[in-house]
Amino acid sequence: MKIQVIHSSPNQQITESMTKLSVNINKVALLRNSRGGNLPDLIQVAKDCERFGAHGITVHPRPDERHIKFYDVVALKEVVKGELNIEGYPSETFIKLIKKVKPHQVTLVPDAPNALTSSEGWDTMKHQHFLKQVILDIKQFGIRVSLFVDPIEQFIEGAAIVEADRVELYTGTYAKTYPKDPNKAILKYGKAAKFCDMLGLEINAGHDLNLENLAFLKENIPQLKEVSIGHALISDALYYGLENTIGMYLMRLDAVK
């Protein structure tokens, strides 16, 4: 494996066309929890991610706290200088947490409590009444709301109906198809992006994005506001180092000139 040496630019000016990189640090917490104690130091990792050029931090606290602890979320709000994005199912406990922390963005996912990872988006039509009430409640605290959805027009339309600010397109199917046929992989995502524009929804993306498939996604969805990447980025950091890895992902987004 050939290592690319990248010099990140933490003080770069963010332009309107730039896609922000939010680093999901769940896997760092999982490693810490496997031995107890505070190694690696999750809060320091978050600070370093931003220092190395990331535009924000994402966490997904689950009910069993198997990686991110609820107290981690509170501590992160105190140190994250960019955007703090909290993902999760809108349970009573989750809503109470975000009202306390007041992150910049909340990404609502339809995960069951024991889900290993987020593997599908909301059926926004089926859950329309529930989501509309939850989103109205969250927005009262000045928090941007994004809904995790598959690239399906019906569900995107539902996101607009319940007054979400953004959708996060689930890119798991894109990542799975990309190595065999990139053009086929991106087809429905490009159509979904155009439909989002028509409805006035901003676009985020996440799940299984990596150094191989990220640039092609950005190239075909230039209006992409933010990508949330955790598993692949943290795995790459084992080989390249965290600073170098973040620089490499920023290059894929054309954020480093």
C-alpha atoms as a PDB file:
ATOM      1  CA  MET A   1       0.000   0.000   0.000  1.00  0.00           C
ATOM      2  CA  LYS A   2       1.484   3.311  -1.135  1.00  0.00           C
ATOM      3  CA  ILE A   3       1.074   6.111   1.371  1.00  0.00           C
ATOM      4  CA  GLN A   4       0.164   9.566   0.101  1.00  0.00           C
ATOM      5  CA  VAL A   5       1.542  12.391   2.184  1.00  0.00           C
ATOM      6  CA  ILE A   6      -1.012  15.156   2.471  1.00  0.00           C
ATOM      7  CA  HIS A   7      -0.671  18.470   4.237  1.00  0.00           C
ATOM      8  CA  SER A   8      -4.085  19.408   5.583  1.00  0.00           C
ATOM      9  CA  SER A   9      -5.287  23.001   5.811  1.00  0.00           C
ATOM     10  CA  PRO A  10      -7.317  23.441   8.993  1.00  0.00           C
ATOM     11  CA  ASN A  11      -7.809  27.160   8.423  1.00  0.00           C
ATOM     12  CA  GLN A  12      -9.091  26.890   4.851  1.00  0.00           C
ATOM     13  CA  GLN A  13     -11.978  29.183   3.945  1.00  0.00           C
ATOM     14  CA  ILE A  14     -15.215  27.272   3.466  1.00  0.00           C
ATOM     15  CA  THR A  15     -17.026  28.263   0.283  1.00  0.00           C
ATOM     16  CA  GLU A  16     -20.682  27.729  -0.589  1.00  0.00           C
ATOM     17  CA  SER A  17     -19.826  24.986  -3.100  1.00  0.00           C
ATOM     18  CA  MET A  18     -17.602  23.065  -0.722  1.00  0.00           C
ATOM     19  CA  THR A  19     -18.753  19.739   0.689  1.00  0.00           C
ATOM     20  CA  LYS A  20     -17.976  19.534   4.384  1.00  0.00           C
ATOM     21  CA  LEU A  21     -16.315  16.491   5.906  1.00  0.00           C
ATOM     22  CA  SER A  22     -17.783  15.376   9.234  1.00  0.00           C
ATOM     23  CA  VAL A  23     -15.774  12.624  10.907  1.00  0.00           C
ATOM     24  CA  ASN A  24     -17.831   9.999  12.717  1.00  0.00           C
ATOM     25  CA  ILE A  25     -15.806   8.983  15.778  1.00  0.00           C
ATOM     26  CA  ASN A  26     -17.968   6.096  16.981  1.00  0.00           C
ATOM     27  CA  LYS A  27     -15.230   3.564  16.233  1.00  0.00           C
ATOM     28  CA  VAL A  28     -12.766   5.516  18.362  1.00  0.00           C
ATOM     29  CA  ALA A  29     -15.186   5.216  21.280  1.00  0.00           C
ATOM     30  CA  LEU A  30     -15.647   1.508  20.573  1.00  0.00           C
ATOM     31  CA  LEU A  31     -11.884   0.970  20.817  1.00  0.00           C
ATOM     32  CA  ARG A  32     -11.712   2.959  24.043  1.00  0.00           C
ATOM     33  CA  ASN A  33     -14.586   1.018  25.595  1.00  0.00           C
ATOM     34  CA  SER A  34     -13.016  -2.348  24.758  1.00  0.00           C
ATOM     35  CA  ARG A  35     -10.422  -1.847  27.489  1.00  0.00           C
ATOM     36  CA  GLY A  36     -12.049   0.716  29.747  1.00  0.00           C
ATOM     37  CA  GLY A  37     -10.213   3.854  30.763  1.00  0.00           C
ATOM     38  CA  ASN A  38      -9.654   6.707  28.349  1.00  0.00           C
ATOM     39  CA  LEU A  39      -7.343   5.364  25.654  1.00  0.00           C
ATOM     40  CA  PRO A  40      -7.757   6.552  22.980  1.00  0.00           C
ATOM     41  CA  ASP A  41      -8.956   9.889  24.293  1.00  0.00           C
ATOM     42  CA  LEU A  42     -12.172  10.517  22.333  1.00  0.00           C
ATOM     43  CA  ILE A  43     -12.291  14.235  23.075  1.00  0.00           C
ATOM     44  CA  GLN A  44      -8.695  14.747  21.968  1.00  0.00           C
ATOM     45  CA  VAL A  45      -9.342  12.790  18.779  1.00  0.00           C
ATOM     46  CA  ALA A  46     -12.300  15.056  17.997  1.00  0.00           C
ATOM     47  CA  LYS A  47     -10.162  18.145  18.554  1.00  0.00           C
ATOM     48  CA  ASP A  48      -7.403  16.699  16.387  1.00  0.00           C
ATOM     49  CA  CYS A  49      -9.812  15.847  13.558  1.00  0.00           C
ATOM     50  CA  GLU A  50     -10.807  19.490  13.364  1.00  0.00           C
ATOM     51  CA  ARG A  51      -7.223  20.650  13.762  1.00  0.00           C
ATOM     52  CA  PHE A  52      -6.293  18.467  10.787  1.00  0.00           C
ATOM     53  CA  GLY A  53      -8.975  20.013   8.596  1.00  0.00           C
ATOM     54  CA  ALA A  54     -12.285  18.230   9.222  1.00  0.00           C
ATOM     55  CA  HIS A  55     -15.259  20.579   9.271  1.00  0.00           C
ATOM     56  CA  GLY A  56     -17.132  18.804  12.024  1.00  0.00           C
ATOM     57  CA  ILE A  57     -17.733  15.742  14.162  1.00  0.00           C
ATOM     58  CA  THR A  58     -20.526  13.164  13.990  1.00  0.00           C
ATOM     59  CA  VAL A  59     -21.569  10.789  16.756  1.00  0.00           C
ATOM     60  CA  HIS A  60     -24.345   8.239  16.972  1.00  0.00           C
ATOM     61  CA  PRO A  61     -25.105   7.465  20.621  1.00  0.00           C
ATOM     62  CA  ARG A  62     -27.076   4.214  20.828  1.00  0.00           C
ATOM     63  CA  PRO A  63     -29.329   3.142  23.715  1.00  0.00           C
ATOM     64  CA  ASP A  64     -26.809   0.575  24.994  1.00  0.00           C
ATOM     65  CA  GLU A  65     -23.928   3.109  24.799  1.00  0.00           C
ATOM     66  CA  ARG A  66     -21.712   0.450  23.231  1.00  0.00           C
ATOM     67  CA  HIS A  67     -19.496   3.127  21.719  1.00  0.00           C
ATOM     68  CA  ILE A  68     -20.468   6.777  22.252  1.00  0.00           C
ATOM     69  CA  LYS A  69     -21.562   7.436  25.823  1.00  0.00           C
ATOM     70  CA  PHE A  70     -24.160  10.061  26.587  1.00  0.00           C
ATOM     71  CA  TYR A  71     -21.589  11.983  28.622  1.00  0.00           C
ATOM     72  CA  ASP A  72     -19.300  11.996  25.558  1.00  0.00           C
ATOM     73  CA  VAL A  73     -21.913  13.987  23.665  1.00  0.00           C
ATOM     74  CA  VAL A  74     -22.097  16.627  26.374  1.00  0.00           C
ATOM     75  CA  ALA A  75     -18.292  16.869  26.514  1.00  0.00           C
ATOM     76  CA  LEU A  76     -17.985  17.127  22.727  1.00  0.00           C
ATOM     77  CA  LYS A  77     -20.311  20.144  22.580  1.00  0.00           C
ATOM     78  CA  GLU A  78     -17.776  21.995  24.707  1.00  0.00           C
ATOM     79  CA  VAL A  79     -14.824  21.390  22.358  1.00  0.00           C
ATOM     80  CA  VAL A  80     -16.129  21.001  18.801  1.00  0.00           C
ATOM     81  CA  LYS A  81     -15.510  24.279  16.988  1.00  0.00           C
ATOM     82  CA  GLY A  82     -17.070  23.274  13.676  1.00  0.00           C
ATOM     83  CA  GLU A  83     -20.367  21.453  13.346  1.00  0.00           C
ATOM     84  CA  LEU A  84     -21.502  18.821  15.803  1.00  0.00           C
ATOM     85  CA  ASN A  85     -23.896  16.346  14.187  1.00  0.00           C
ATOM     86  CA  ILE A  86     -25.742  13.879  16.409  1.00  0.00           C
ATOM     87  CA  GLU A  87     -27.366  10.883  14.752  1.00  0.00           C
ATOM     88  CA  GLY A  88     -29.961   8.649  16.309  1.00  0.00           C
ATOM     89  CA  TYR A  89     -33.466   7.308  16.555  1.00  0.00           C
ATOM     90  CA  PRO A  90     -35.742   9.954  18.114  1.00  0.00           C
ATOM     91  CA  SER A  91     -36.538   8.124  21.332  1.00  0.00           C
ATOM     92  CA  GLU A  92     -37.496  10.059  24.426  1.00  0.00           C
ATOM     93  CA  THR A  93     -33.949   9.665  25.791  1.00  0.00           C
ATOM     94  CA  PHE A  94     -32.379  10.836  22.526  1.00  0.00           C
ATOM     95  CA  ILE A  95     -34.605  13.898  22.279  1.00  0.00           C
ATOM     96  CA  LYS A  96     -33.821  14.810  25.873  1.00  0.00           C
ATOM     97  CA  LEU A  97     -30.085  14.557  25.111  1.00  0.00           C
ATOM     98  CA  ILE A  98     -30.158  16.780  22.037  1.00  0.00           C
ATOM     99  CA  LYS A  99     -32.263  19.392  23.791  1.00  0.00           C
ATOM    100  CA  LYS A 100     -29.580  19.518  26.465  1.00  0.00           C
ATOM    101  CA  VAL A 101     -26.646  19.638  24.054  1.00  0.00           C
ATOM    102  CA  LYS A 102     -28.222  21.650  21.205  1.00  0.00           C
ATOM    103  CA  PRO A 103     -25.931  20.476  18.390  1.00  0.00           C
ATOM    104  CA  HIS A 104     -25.780  22.238  15.040  1.00  0.00           C
ATOM    105  CA  GLN A 105     -27.478  19.315  13.322  1.00  0.00           C
ATOM    106  CA  VAL A 106     -29.492  16.255  14.252  1.00  0.00           C
ATOM    107  CA  THR A 107     -29.722  13.375  11.778  1.00  0.00           C
ATOM    108  CA  LEU A 108     -32.716  11.181  12.501  1.00  0.00           C
ATOM    109  CA  VAL A 109     -32.348   7.493  11.624  1.00  0.00           C
ATOM    110  CA  PRO A 110     -34.939   4.694  11.847  1.00  0.00           C
ATOM    111  CA  ASP A 111     -32.648   2.202  13.601  1.00  0.00           C
ATOM    112  CA  ALA A 112     -33.953  -0.408  16.009  1.00  0.00           C
ATOM    113  CA  PRO A 113     -32.236  -0.272  19.440  1.00  0.00           C
ATOM    114  CA  ASN A 114     -30.050  -3.317  18.679  1.00  0.00           C
ATOM    115  CA  ALA A 115     -29.100  -2.336  15.111  1.00  0.00           C
ATOM    116  CA  LEU A 116     -25.430  -2.910  14.280  1.00  0.00           C
ATOM    117  CA  THR A 117     -25.358   0.078  11.924  1.00  0.00           C
ATOM    118  CA  SER A 118     -27.778   2.255   9.963  1.00  0.00           C
ATOM    119  CA  SER A 119     -28.621   0.145   6.919  1.00  0.00           C
ATOM    120  CA  GLU A 120     -31.755   1.780   5.518  1.00  0.00           C
ATOM    121  CA  GLY A 121     -33.557   5.077   5.529  1.00  0.00           C
ATOM    122  CA  TRP A 122     -36.931   6.257   6.783  1.00  0.00           C
ATOM    123  CA  ASP A 123     -40.220   5.428   5.164  1.00  0.00           C
ATOM    124  CA  THR A 124     -41.175   9.060   5.522  1.00  0.00           C
ATOM    125  CA  MET A 125     -44.710   8.521   4.276  1.00  0.00           C
ATOM    126  CA  LYS A 126     -45.511   5.729   6.719  1.00  0.00           C
ATOM    127  CA  HIS A 127     -44.030   7.665   9.638  1.00  0.00           C
ATOM    128  CA  GLN A 128     -45.124  11.092   8.451  1.00  0.00           C
ATOM    129  CA  HIS A 129     -47.127  12.146  11.530  1.00  0.00           C
ATOM    130  CA  PHE A 130     -44.439  10.951  13.965  1.00  0.00           C
ATOM    131  CA  LEU A 131     -41.585  12.638  12.095  1.00  0.00           C
ATOM    132  CA  LYS A 132     -43.439  15.909  11.652  1.00  0.00           C
ATOM    133  CA  GLN A 133     -44.043  16.198  15.386  1.00  0.00           C
ATOM    134  CA  VAL A 134     -40.457  15.266  16.257  1.00  0.00           C
ATOM    135  CA  ILE A 135     -38.976  17.700  13.737  1.00  0.00           C
ATOM    136  CA  LEU A 136     -41.205  20.539  14.931  1.00  0.00           C
ATOM    137  CA  ASP A 137     -40.081  19.869  18.489  1.00  0.00           C
ATOM    138  CA  ILE A 138     -36.377  19.819  17.590  1.00  0.00           C
ATOM    139  CA  LYS A 139     -36.515  22.945  15.428  1.00  0.00           C
ATOM    140  CA  GLN A 140     -37.817  24.958  18.359  1.00  0.00           C
ATOM    141  CA  PHE A 141     -34.264  24.735  19.712  1.00  0.00           C
ATOM    142  CA  GLY A 142     -32.699  26.175  16.556  1.00  0.00           C
ATOM    143  CA  ILE A 143     -31.283  22.824  15.429  1.00  0.00           C
ATOM    144  CA  ARG A 144     -31.028  21.818  11.764  1.00  0.00           C
ATOM    145  CA  VAL A 145     -32.749  18.493  11.070  1.00  0.00           C
ATOM    146  CA  SER A 146     -31.640  15.947   8.489  1.00  0.00           C
ATOM    147  CA  LEU A 147     -33.511  12.726   7.693  1.00  0.00           C
ATOM    148  CA  PHE A 148     -31.666   9.548   6.710  1.00  0.00           C
ATOM    149  CA  VAL A 149     -33.389   8.294   3.547  1.00  0.00           C
ATOM    150  CA  ASP A 150     -32.837   5.980   0.616  1.00  0.00           C
ATOM    151  CA  PRO A 151     -32.589   7.680  -2.804  1.00  0.00           C
ATOM    152  CA  ILE A 152     -36.268   7.121  -3.550  1.00  0.00           C
ATOM    153  CA  GLU A 153     -38.452  10.033  -4.670  1.00  0.00           C
ATOM    154  CA  GLN A 154     -41.419   9.048  -2.508  1.00  0.00           C
ATOM    155  CA  PHE A 155     -39.316   9.105   0.668  1.00  0.00           C
ATOM    156  CA  ILE A 156     -37.563  12.330  -0.335  1.00  0.00           C
ATOM    157  CA  GLU A 157     -40.932  13.954  -0.938  1.00  0.00           C
ATOM    158  CA  GLY A 158     -42.000  12.755   2.499  1.00  0.00           C
ATOM    159  CA  ALA A 159     -38.955  14.458   4.009  1.00  0.00           C
ATOM    160  CA  ALA A 160     -40.072  17.735   2.473  1.00  0.00           C
ATOM    161  CA  ILE A 161     -43.635  17.239   3.725  1.00  0.00           C
ATOM    162  CA  VAL A 162     -42.458  16.789   7.326  1.00  0.00           C
ATOM    163  CA  GLU A 163     -40.292  19.914   6.916  1.00  0.00           C
ATOM    164  CA  ALA A 164     -36.825  18.435   7.286  1.00  0.00           C
ATOM    165  CA  ASP A 165     -34.030  20.852   6.360  1.00  0.00           C
ATOM    166  CA  ARG A 166     -31.914  18.190   4.714  1.00  0.00           C
ATOM    167  CA  VAL A 167     -31.849  14.555   3.767  1.00  0.00           C
ATOM    168  CA  GLU A 168     -28.855  12.303   4.263  1.00  0.00           C
ATOM    169  CA  LEU A 169     -28.825   9.905   1.350  1.00  0.00           C
ATOM    170  CA  TYR A 170     -28.014   6.357   2.427  1.00  0.00           C
ATOM    171  CA  THR A 171     -25.036   5.450   0.230  1.00  0.00           C
ATOM    172  CA  GLY A 172     -24.640   1.803   1.204  1.00  0.00           C
ATOM    173  CA  THR A 173     -26.071   0.568  -2.101  1.00  0.00           C
ATOM    174  CA  TYR A 174     -23.913   3.053  -4.013  1.00  0.00           C
ATOM    175  CA  ALA A 175     -20.774   1.776  -2.285  1.00  0.00           C
ATOM    176  CA  LYS A 176     -21.693  -1.851  -2.936  1.00  0.00           C
ATOM    177  CA  THR A 177     -22.271  -1.339  -6.669  1.00  0.00           C
ATOM    178  CA  TYR A 178     -19.496   1.192  -7.320  1.00  0.00           C
ATOM    179  CA  PRO A 179     -16.556  -1.248  -7.764  1.00  0.00           C
ATOM    180  CA  LYS A 180     -18.424  -3.173 -10.479  1.00  0.00           C
ATOM    181  CA  ASP A 181     -20.217  -0.331 -12.280  1.00  0.00           C
ATOM    182  CA  PRO A 182     -19.733   3.273 -11.075  1.00  0.00           C
ATOM    183  CA  ASN A 183     -22.217   4.718 -13.552  1.00  0.00           C
ATOM    184  CA  LYS A 184     -24.931   2.298 -12.493  1.00  0.00           C
ATOM    185  CA  ALA A 185     -24.103   2.947  -8.839  1.00  0.00           C
ATOM    186  CA  ILE A 186     -24.562   6.701  -9.113  1.00  0.00           C
ATOM    187  CA  LEU A 187     -27.620   6.762 -11.383  1.00  0.00           C
ATOM    188  CA  LYS A 188     -30.418   6.849  -8.819  1.00  0.00           C
ATOM    189  CA  TYR A 189     -28.415   9.142  -6.534  1.00  0.00           C
ATOM    190  CA  GLY A 190     -28.038  11.736  -9.271  1.00  0.00           C
ATOM    191  CA  LYS A 191     -31.784  11.605  -9.908  1.00  0.00           C
ATOM    192  CA  ALA A 192     -32.491  11.834  -6.190  1.00  0.00           C
ATOM    193  CA  ALA A 193     -30.253  14.896  -5.904  1.00  0.00           C
ATOM    194  CA  LYS A 194     -32.129  16.687  -8.685  1.00  0.00           C
ATOM    195  CA  PHE A 195     -35.422  15.870  -6.989  1.00  0.00           C
ATOM    196  CA  CYS A 196     -34.085  17.266  -3.690  1.00  0.00           C
ATOM    197  CA  ASP A 197     -33.175  20.497  -5.468  1.00  0.00           C
ATOM    198  CA  MET A 198     -36.669  20.749  -6.899  1.00  0.00           C
ATOM    199  CA  LEU A 199     -38.155  20.388  -3.394  1.00  0.00           C
ATOM    200  CA  GLY A 200     -35.702  22.764  -1.743  1.00  0.00           C
ATOM    201  CA  LEU A 201     -34.003  20.081   0.352  1.00  0.00           C
ATOM    202  CA  GLU A 202     -30.277  20.246   1.010  1.00  0.00           C
ATOM    203  CA  ILE A 203     -28.281  17.039   0.674  1.00  0.00           C
ATOM    204  CA  ASN A 204     -25.921  15.142   2.954  1.00  0.00           C
ATOM    205  CA  ALA A 205     -24.648  11.626   2.333  1.00  0.00           C
ATOM    206  CA  GLY A 206     -23.264   8.790   4.396  1.00  0.00           C
ATOM    207  CA  HIS A 207     -22.590   5.075   4.801  1.00  0.00           C
ATOM    208  CA  ASP A 208     -19.692   3.059   3.378  1.00  0.00           C
ATOM    209  CA  LEU A 209     -18.081   6.056   1.692  1.00  0.00           C
ATOM    210  CA  ASN A 210     -14.326   5.714   1.342  1.00  0.00           C
ATOM    211  CA  LEU A 211     -11.244   6.946  -0.518  1.00  0.00           C
ATOM    212  CA  GLU A 212     -12.160   4.935  -3.606  1.00  0.00           C
ATOM    213  CA  ASN A 213     -15.774   5.999  -4.120  1.00  0.00           C
ATOM    214  CA  LEU A 214     -16.053   9.454  -2.545  1.00  0.00           C
ATOM    215  CA  ALA A 215     -14.728  11.625  -5.383  1.00  0.00           C
ATOM    216  CA  PHE A 216     -17.113  10.102  -7.935  1.00  0.00           C
ATOM    217  CA  LEU A 217     -20.069  10.785  -5.645  1.00  0.00           C
ATOM    218  CA  LYS A 218     -19.030  14.412  -5.210  1.00  0.00           C
ATOM    219  CA  GLU A 219     -18.416  14.803  -8.945  1.00  0.00           C
ATOM    220  CA  ASN A 220     -21.959  13.677  -9.712  1.00  0.00           C
ATOM    221  CA  ILE A 221     -23.667  15.469  -6.830  1.00  0.00           C
ATOM    222  CA  PRO A 222     -21.833  18.825  -6.779  1.00  0.00           C
ATOM    223  CA  GLN A 223     -24.478  20.348  -4.485  1.00  0.00           C
ATOM    224  CA  LEU A 224     -23.610  17.859  -1.729  1.00  0.00           C
ATOM    225  CA  LYS A 225     -23.444  19.792   1.542  1.00  0.00           C
ATOM    226  CA  GLU A 226     -21.810  17.258   3.856  1.00  0.00           C
ATOM    227  CA  VAL A 227     -20.549  13.717   4.077  1.00  0.00           C
ATOM    228  CA  SER A 228     -20.329  11.820   7.341  1.00  0.00           C
ATOM    229  CA  ILE A 229     -17.595   9.184   7.294  1.00  0.00           C
ATOM    230  CA  GLY A 230     -16.423   7.029  10.168  1.00  0.00           C
ATOM    231  CA  HIS A 231     -15.602   3.355   9.698  1.00  0.00           C
ATOM    232  CA  ALA A 232     -13.511   3.695   6.538  1.00  0.00           C
ATOM    233  CA  LEU A 233     -11.766   6.875   7.661  1.00  0.00           C
ATOM    234  CA  ILE A 234     -10.761   5.510  11.052  1.00  0.00           C
ATOM    235  CA  SER A 235      -9.634   2.259   9.406  1.00  0.00           C
ATOM    236  CA  ASP A 236      -7.521   4.203   6.880  1.00  0.00           C
ATOM    237  CA  ALA A 237      -5.975   6.156   9.741  1.00  0.00           C
ATOM    238  CA  LEU A 238      -4.403   2.913  11.006  1.00  0.00           C
ATOM    239  CA  TYR A 239      -2.292   2.889   7.845  1.00  0.00           C
ATOM    240  CA  TYR A 240      -1.891   6.538   6.935  1.00  0.00           C
ATOM    241  CA  GLY A 241      -2.215   8.332  10.258  1.00  0.00           C
ATOM    242  CA  LEU A 242      -5.157  10.539  11.206  1.00  0.00           C
ATOM    243  CA  GLU A 243      -3.844  13.832   9.847  1.00  0.00           C
ATOM    244  CA  ASN A 244      -2.811  12.348   6.523  1.00  0.00           C
ATOM    245  CA  THR A 245      -6.072  10.421   6.190  1.00  0.00           C
ATOM    246  CA  ILE A 246      -8.236  13.491   6.756  1.00  0.00           C
ATOM    247  CA  GLY A 247      -6.179  15.342   4.160  1.00  0.00           C
ATOM    248  CA  MET A 248      -6.767  12.533   1.670  1.00  0.00           C
ATOM    249  CA  TYR A 249     -10.530  12.626   2.210  1.00  0.00           C
ATOM    250  CA  LEU A 250     -10.575  16.396   1.866  1.00  0.00           C
ATOM    251  CA  MET A 251      -8.748  16.068  -1.442  1.00  0.00           C
ATOM    252  CA  ARG A 252     -11.476  13.710  -2.688  1.00  0.00           C
ATOM    253  CA  LEU A 253     -13.962  16.462  -1.910  1.00  0.00           C
ATOM    254  CA  ASP A 254     -11.807  19.126  -3.592  1.00  0.00           C
ATOM    255  CA  ALA A 255     -11.652  20.896  -0.263  1.00  0.00           C
ATOM    256  CA  VAL A 256      -7.835  21.099  -0.281  1.00  0.00           C
ATOM    257  CA  LYS A 257      -6.354  23.077  -3.162  1.00  0.00           C
END
